[in-house]
C-alpha atoms as a PDB file:
ATOM      1  CA  MET A   1       0.061  -0.181   0.224  1.00  0.00           C
ATOM      2  CA  ALA A   2       1.466   3.453  -1.012  1.00  0.00           C
ATOM      3  CA  ALA A   3       2.169   6.083   1.584  1.00  0.00           C
ATOM      4  CA  PRO A   4      -0.212   9.170   1.458  1.00  0.00           C
ATOM      5  CA  THR A   5       1.257  12.062   0.285  1.00  0.00           C
ATOM      6  CA  ARG A   6       1.405  15.248   1.945  1.00  0.00           C
ATOM      7  CA  GLY A   7       0.684  18.932   0.598  1.00  0.00           C
ATOM      8  CA  GLY A   8       1.560  22.776   2.178  1.00  0.00           C
ATOM      9  CA  LEU A   9       4.588  22.827   4.203  1.00  0.00           C
ATOM     10  CA  ALA A  10       5.004  19.007   5.193  1.00  0.00           C
ATOM     11  CA  ALA A  11       5.975  18.047   1.708  1.00  0.00           C
ATOM     12  CA  LEU A  12       8.825  20.306   2.129  1.00  0.00           C
ATOM     13  CA  GLY A  13       9.850  18.040   5.172  1.00  0.00           C
ATOM     14  CA  ALA A  14      11.291  19.071   8.555  1.00  0.00           C
ATOM     15  CA  ARG A  15      14.822  20.498   6.986  1.00  0.00           C
ATOM     16  CA  GLY A  16      12.687  22.076   3.911  1.00  0.00           C
ATOM     17  CA  ALA A  17      10.356  23.857   6.396  1.00  0.00           C
ATOM     18  CA  SER A  18      13.428  25.157   8.851  1.00  0.00           C
ATOM     19  CA  ALA A  19      14.793  26.929   5.256  1.00  0.00           C
ATOM     20  CA  ALA A  20      11.314  28.154   4.618  1.00  0.00           C
ATOM     21  CA  ALA A  21      10.782  29.368   7.811  1.00  0.00           C
ATOM     22  CA  ALA A  22      14.572  30.796   8.040  1.00  0.00           C
ATOM     23  CA  ALA A  23      14.237  31.852   4.699  1.00  0.00           C
ATOM     24  CA  LEU A  24      11.001  33.919   5.265  1.00  0.00           C
ATOM     25  CA  SER A  25      12.331  36.071   7.921  1.00  0.00           C
ATOM     26  CA  LEU A  26      15.307  37.972   5.654  1.00  0.00           C
ATOM     27  CA  PRO A  27      14.101  41.059   3.989  1.00  0.00           C
ATOM     28  CA  ALA A  28      11.848  40.902   0.832  1.00  0.00           C
ATOM     29  CA  GLU A  29      14.491  42.766  -1.223  1.00  0.00           C
ATOM     30  CA  ALA A  30      16.680  39.471  -0.753  1.00  0.00           C
ATOM     31  CA  PHE A  31      14.637  37.040  -2.815  1.00  0.00           C
ATOM     32  CA  GLY A  32      13.241  38.844  -5.679  1.00  0.00           C
ATOM     33  CA  ASN A  33      10.633  36.983  -7.287  1.00  0.00           C
ATOM     34  CA  ASP A  34      11.512  33.328  -5.926  1.00  0.00           C
ATOM     35  CA  PRO A  35       9.270  30.605  -6.697  1.00  0.00           C
ATOM     36  CA  LEU A  36      10.249  29.056  -3.178  1.00  0.00           C
ATOM     37  CA  VAL A  37       9.404  31.825  -1.297  1.00  0.00           C
ATOM     38  CA  GLU A  38       6.546  32.650  -2.645  1.00  0.00           C
ATOM     39  CA  ALA A  39       4.999  29.097  -2.578  1.00  0.00           C
ATOM     40  CA  ALA A  40       5.754  29.149   1.406  1.00  0.00           C
ATOM     41  CA  TRP A  41       4.393  31.951   1.832  1.00  0.00           C
ATOM     42  CA  ALA A  42       1.368  31.318   0.287  1.00  0.00           C
ATOM     43  CA  ALA A  43       1.369  27.727   2.269  1.00  0.00           C
ATOM     44  CA  LYS A  44       1.330  30.059   5.713  1.00  0.00           C
ATOM     45  CA  ALA A  45      -1.323  32.881   4.790  1.00  0.00           C
ATOM     46  CA  TYR A  46      -3.523  29.581   3.531  1.00  0.00           C
ATOM     47  CA  GLN A  47      -2.635  27.440   6.995  1.00  0.00           C
ATOM     48  CA  HIS A  48      -3.930  31.242   8.591  1.00  0.00           C
ATOM     49  CA  ALA A  49      -6.641  31.767   6.720  1.00  0.00           C
ATOM     50  CA  GLN A  50      -8.283  27.891   7.307  1.00  0.00           C
ATOM     51  CA  VAL A  51      -7.170  28.369  11.034  1.00  0.00           C
ATOM     52  CA  TYR A  52      -9.227  31.820  11.150  1.00  0.00           C
ATOM     53  CA  PHE A  53     -11.994  29.954   9.204  1.00  0.00           C
ATOM     54  CA  ASN A  54     -12.608  27.133  11.540  1.00  0.00           C
ATOM     55  CA  LEU A  55     -12.482  29.957  14.127  1.00  0.00           C
ATOM     56  CA  ILE A  56     -15.461  31.853  13.441  1.00  0.00           C
ATOM     57  CA  SER A  57     -17.041  28.732  12.754  1.00  0.00           C
ATOM     58  CA  SER A  58     -16.617  27.242  16.320  1.00  0.00           C
ATOM     59  CA  VAL A  59     -16.797  30.399  18.619  1.00  0.00           C
ATOM     60  CA  ASP A  60     -19.383  33.147  18.342  1.00  0.00           C
ATOM     61  CA  PRO A  61     -17.621  36.056  16.356  1.00  0.00           C
ATOM     62  CA  ALA A  62     -18.861  38.377  19.115  1.00  0.00           C
ATOM     63  CA  PHE A  63     -16.775  37.405  21.570  1.00  0.00           C
ATOM     64  CA  LEU A  64     -13.444  36.366  19.797  1.00  0.00           C
ATOM     65  CA  LYS A  65     -10.443  38.543  20.712  1.00  0.00           C
ATOM     66  CA  LEU A  66      -7.782  38.516  17.731  1.00  0.00           C
ATOM     67  CA  THR A  67      -5.293  41.113  19.209  1.00  0.00           C
ATOM     68  CA  LYS A  68      -4.374  42.963  22.469  1.00  0.00           C
ATOM     69  CA  ALA A  69      -5.296  45.833  20.612  1.00  0.00           C
ATOM     70  CA  ASP A  70      -8.804  44.874  19.080  1.00  0.00           C
ATOM     71  CA  ASP A  71     -10.594  47.799  20.672  1.00  0.00           C
ATOM     72  CA  GLN A  72      -7.701  50.616  19.549  1.00  0.00           C
ATOM     73  CA  ILE A  73      -7.873  48.674  15.624  1.00  0.00           C
ATOM     74  CA  TYR A  74     -11.563  48.954  15.760  1.00  0.00           C
ATOM     75  CA  SER A  75     -11.779  52.342  17.246  1.00  0.00           C
ATOM     76  CA  GLU A  76      -9.163  53.647  14.905  1.00  0.00           C
ATOM     77  CA  PHE A  77     -10.855  51.886  11.784  1.00  0.00           C
ATOM     78  CA  ARG A  78     -14.001  53.075  11.989  1.00  0.00           C
ATOM     79  CA  LYS A  79     -12.585  56.873  12.814  1.00  0.00           C
ATOM     80  CA  ALA A  80     -10.924  56.252   9.250  1.00  0.00           C
ATOM     81  CA  PHE A  81     -12.826  54.413   7.259  1.00  0.00           C
ATOM     82  CA  PRO A  82     -16.293  55.404   8.668  1.00  0.00           C
ATOM     83  CA  ASP A  83     -18.631  54.285   5.430  1.00  0.00           C
ATOM     84  CA  LEU A  84     -16.283  51.381   4.314  1.00  0.00           C
ATOM     85  CA  GLN A  85     -18.691  48.422   3.454  1.00  0.00           C
ATOM     86  CA  ILE A  86     -16.981  45.253   5.462  1.00  0.00           C
ATOM     87  CA  GLY A  87     -19.852  42.629   4.422  1.00  0.00           C
ATOM     88  CA  VAL A  88     -18.638  42.379   0.819  1.00  0.00           C
ATOM     89  CA  LEU A  89     -15.910  44.465   0.405  1.00  0.00           C
ATOM     90  CA  ASP A  90     -14.954  45.981  -3.385  1.00  0.00           C
ATOM     91  CA  PRO A  91     -11.511  45.333  -3.782  1.00  0.00           C
ATOM     92  CA  GLU A  92     -10.765  48.887  -4.983  1.00  0.00           C
ATOM     93  CA  ASP A  93     -11.571  50.137  -1.483  1.00  0.00           C
ATOM     94  CA  LEU A  94      -8.157  48.607  -0.450  1.00  0.00           C
ATOM     95  CA  LYS A  95      -6.080  48.387  -3.462  1.00  0.00           C
ATOM     96  CA  SER A  96      -6.800  51.781  -5.492  1.00  0.00           C
ATOM     97  CA  GLY A  97      -4.063  54.736  -5.479  1.00  0.00           C
ATOM     98  CA  PRO A  98      -6.112  56.553  -3.570  1.00  0.00           C
ATOM     99  CA  ALA A  99      -7.459  53.866  -1.351  1.00  0.00           C
ATOM    100  CA  LYS A 100      -3.938  52.921  -0.881  1.00  0.00           C
ATOM    101  CA  GLU A 101      -2.822  56.608   0.413  1.00  0.00           C
ATOM    102  CA  LYS A 102      -5.828  56.442   2.760  1.00  0.00           C
ATOM    103  CA  TRP A 103      -5.031  52.948   4.308  1.00  0.00           C
ATOM    104  CA  ARG A 104      -1.055  54.009   4.618  1.00  0.00           C
ATOM    105  CA  PRO A 105      -1.399  56.040   7.585  1.00  0.00           C
ATOM    106  CA  PHE A 106      -3.720  53.626   9.279  1.00  0.00           C
ATOM    107  CA  CYS A 107      -1.612  51.026   8.672  1.00  0.00           C
ATOM    108  CA  LEU A 108       1.423  52.890   9.982  1.00  0.00           C
ATOM    109  CA  ARG A 109      -0.365  53.395  13.497  1.00  0.00           C
ATOM    110  CA  PHE A 110       0.244  50.014  14.087  1.00  0.00           C
ATOM    111  CA  ASP A 111       3.821  49.812  13.295  1.00  0.00           C
ATOM    112  CA  GLY A 112       5.081  48.461  16.927  1.00  0.00           C
ATOM    113  CA  VAL A 113       1.503  47.924  18.439  1.00  0.00           C
ATOM    114  CA  VAL A 114       0.572  44.767  16.504  1.00  0.00           C
ATOM    115  CA  GLU A 115       3.760  42.038  15.532  1.00  0.00           C
ATOM    116  CA  ASP A 116       4.113  41.990  11.531  1.00  0.00           C
ATOM    117  CA  PHE A 117       1.301  44.277  11.141  1.00  0.00           C
ATOM    118  CA  ASN A 118       2.429  44.780   7.351  1.00  0.00           C
ATOM    119  CA  TYR A 119       2.431  41.221   6.424  1.00  0.00           C
ATOM    120  CA  GLY A 120       0.692  40.100   3.754  1.00  0.00           C
ATOM    121  CA  THR A 121      -2.178  37.740   4.535  1.00  0.00           C
ATOM    122  CA  LEU A 122      -5.443  36.558   2.415  1.00  0.00           C
ATOM    123  CA  LEU A 123      -9.024  38.416   3.196  1.00  0.00           C
ATOM    124  CA  ARG A 124     -12.023  37.187   2.099  1.00  0.00           C
ATOM    125  CA  THR A 125     -14.361  39.772   0.009  1.00  0.00           C
ATOM    126  CA  ASP A 126     -17.841  38.190   0.721  1.00  0.00           C
ATOM    127  CA  CYS A 127     -17.577  37.677   4.568  1.00  0.00           C
ATOM    128  CA  SER A 128     -20.941  35.164   4.055  1.00  0.00           C
ATOM    129  CA  LYS A 129     -18.616  32.988   2.307  1.00  0.00           C
ATOM    130  CA  GLY A 130     -15.433  31.009   3.029  1.00  0.00           C
ATOM    131  CA  TYR A 131     -11.938  31.321   1.420  1.00  0.00           C
ATOM    132  CA  THR A 132     -11.951  30.846  -2.570  1.00  0.00           C
ATOM    133  CA  GLU A 133      -9.713  31.584  -5.284  1.00  0.00           C
ATOM    134  CA  GLU A 134     -13.015  33.959  -6.305  1.00  0.00           C
ATOM    135  CA  ASN A 135     -13.616  35.596  -2.969  1.00  0.00           C
ATOM    136  CA  THR A 136      -9.770  36.179  -1.187  1.00  0.00           C
ATOM    137  CA  ILE A 137      -7.995  39.090  -1.926  1.00  0.00           C
ATOM    138  CA  PHE A 138      -4.073  39.730  -0.453  1.00  0.00           C
ATOM    139  CA  ALA A 139      -3.967  42.633   2.073  1.00  0.00           C
ATOM    140  CA  THR A 140      -1.626  43.504   4.735  1.00  0.00           C
ATOM    141  CA  ARG A 141      -2.290  42.112   8.545  1.00  0.00           C
ATOM    142  CA  ILE A 142      -3.646  45.160   9.717  1.00  0.00           C
ATOM    143  CA  GLN A 143      -6.176  45.520   7.066  1.00  0.00           C
ATOM    144  CA  PHE A 144      -6.682  41.851   7.939  1.00  0.00           C
ATOM    145  CA  PHE A 145      -7.597  42.364  11.360  1.00  0.00           C
ATOM    146  CA  ALA A 146      -9.276  46.344  11.213  1.00  0.00           C
ATOM    147  CA  ILE A 147     -12.207  44.789   8.748  1.00  0.00           C
ATOM    148  CA  GLU A 148     -12.484  41.292  10.488  1.00  0.00           C
ATOM    149  CA  ILE A 149     -12.553  42.552  14.234  1.00  0.00           C
ATOM    150  CA  ALA A 150     -15.438  45.377  12.532  1.00  0.00           C
ATOM    151  CA  ARG A 151     -17.036  42.262  10.397  1.00  0.00           C
ATOM    152  CA  ASN A 152     -16.858  40.252  14.314  1.00  0.00           C
ATOM    153  CA  ARG A 153     -18.406  43.021  16.214  1.00  0.00           C
ATOM    154  CA  GLU A 154     -20.777  44.322  13.743  1.00  0.00           C
ATOM    155  CA  GLY A 155     -22.400  40.560  13.333  1.00  0.00           C
ATOM    156  CA  HIS A 156     -21.287  39.955   9.519  1.00  0.00           C
ATOM    157  CA  ASN A 157     -19.604  36.806  10.527  1.00  0.00           C
ATOM    158  CA  HIS A 158     -22.339  35.462  12.481  1.00  0.00           C
ATOM    159  CA  LEU A 159     -23.545  33.840   9.262  1.00  0.00           C
ATOM    160  CA  VAL A 160     -20.941  31.739   9.146  1.00  0.00           C
ATOM    161  CA  TYR A 161     -20.952  30.729  12.460  1.00  0.00           C
ATOM    162  CA  GLY A 162     -24.818  30.249  12.696  1.00  0.00           C
ATOM    163  CA  ARG A 163     -24.286  27.735   9.225  1.00  0.00           C
ATOM    164  CA  ALA A 164     -21.776  25.662  10.865  1.00  0.00           C
ATOM    165  CA  ARG A 165     -23.602  25.804  14.204  1.00  0.00           C
ATOM    166  CA  GLU A 166     -26.854  24.461  11.849  1.00  0.00           C
ATOM    167  CA  ALA A 167     -24.553  21.990  10.132  1.00  0.00           C
ATOM    168  CA  CYS A 168     -23.430  20.545  13.418  1.00  0.00           C
ATOM    169  CA  LEU A 169     -27.031  20.273  15.125  1.00  0.00           C
ATOM    170  CA  GLY A 170     -28.545  18.727  11.640  1.00  0.00           C
ATOM    171  CA  THR A 171     -25.132  16.307  11.972  1.00  0.00           C
ATOM    172  CA  GLN A 172     -25.970  15.409  15.559  1.00  0.00           C
ATOM    173  CA  ALA A 173     -29.912  14.840  14.843  1.00  0.00           C
ATOM    174  CA  ASP A 174     -29.052  12.446  12.012  1.00  0.00           C
ATOM    175  CA  SER A 175     -26.989  10.493  14.211  1.00  0.00           C
ATOM    176  CA  SER A 176     -29.678  10.264  17.172  1.00  0.00           C
ATOM    177  CA  GLY A 177     -32.585   9.388  14.916  1.00  0.00           C
END
């Protein structure tokens, strides 16, 4: 019988994963567009996305605390972006030239407050859906935190949690009947 194949960072083995981790700690200028580094980053970002989605699926998002600075992030986010529609994001609200000019000072406020505030991460555009290629954009970590903290506090992520609870209760009812 053939051994199961492993994907993601596990496919690199202990030595390869260690080398990838060491490489990810170097400044970006050291790499150019190295496909191995891009693959390691993508695997790490995807793993983070899966963990976060599992979290909001299993714990009521209204009670989640993502960072020690959640209150500050939320307050400053809504002060800087009071009308930003977060249920379904328009990528232009994060990526256009004028949007980047508005986001830059917001993000820089969290340098030293939020660890790795400017690292890249994945963000769902429509919070009622999961992480798919069509529903995911690249954002900085502080943008992710700001938008997801707001989604949690404003009830937007409750739909994901509610669906997961219903599915769980349905499974329990099926197995007890």
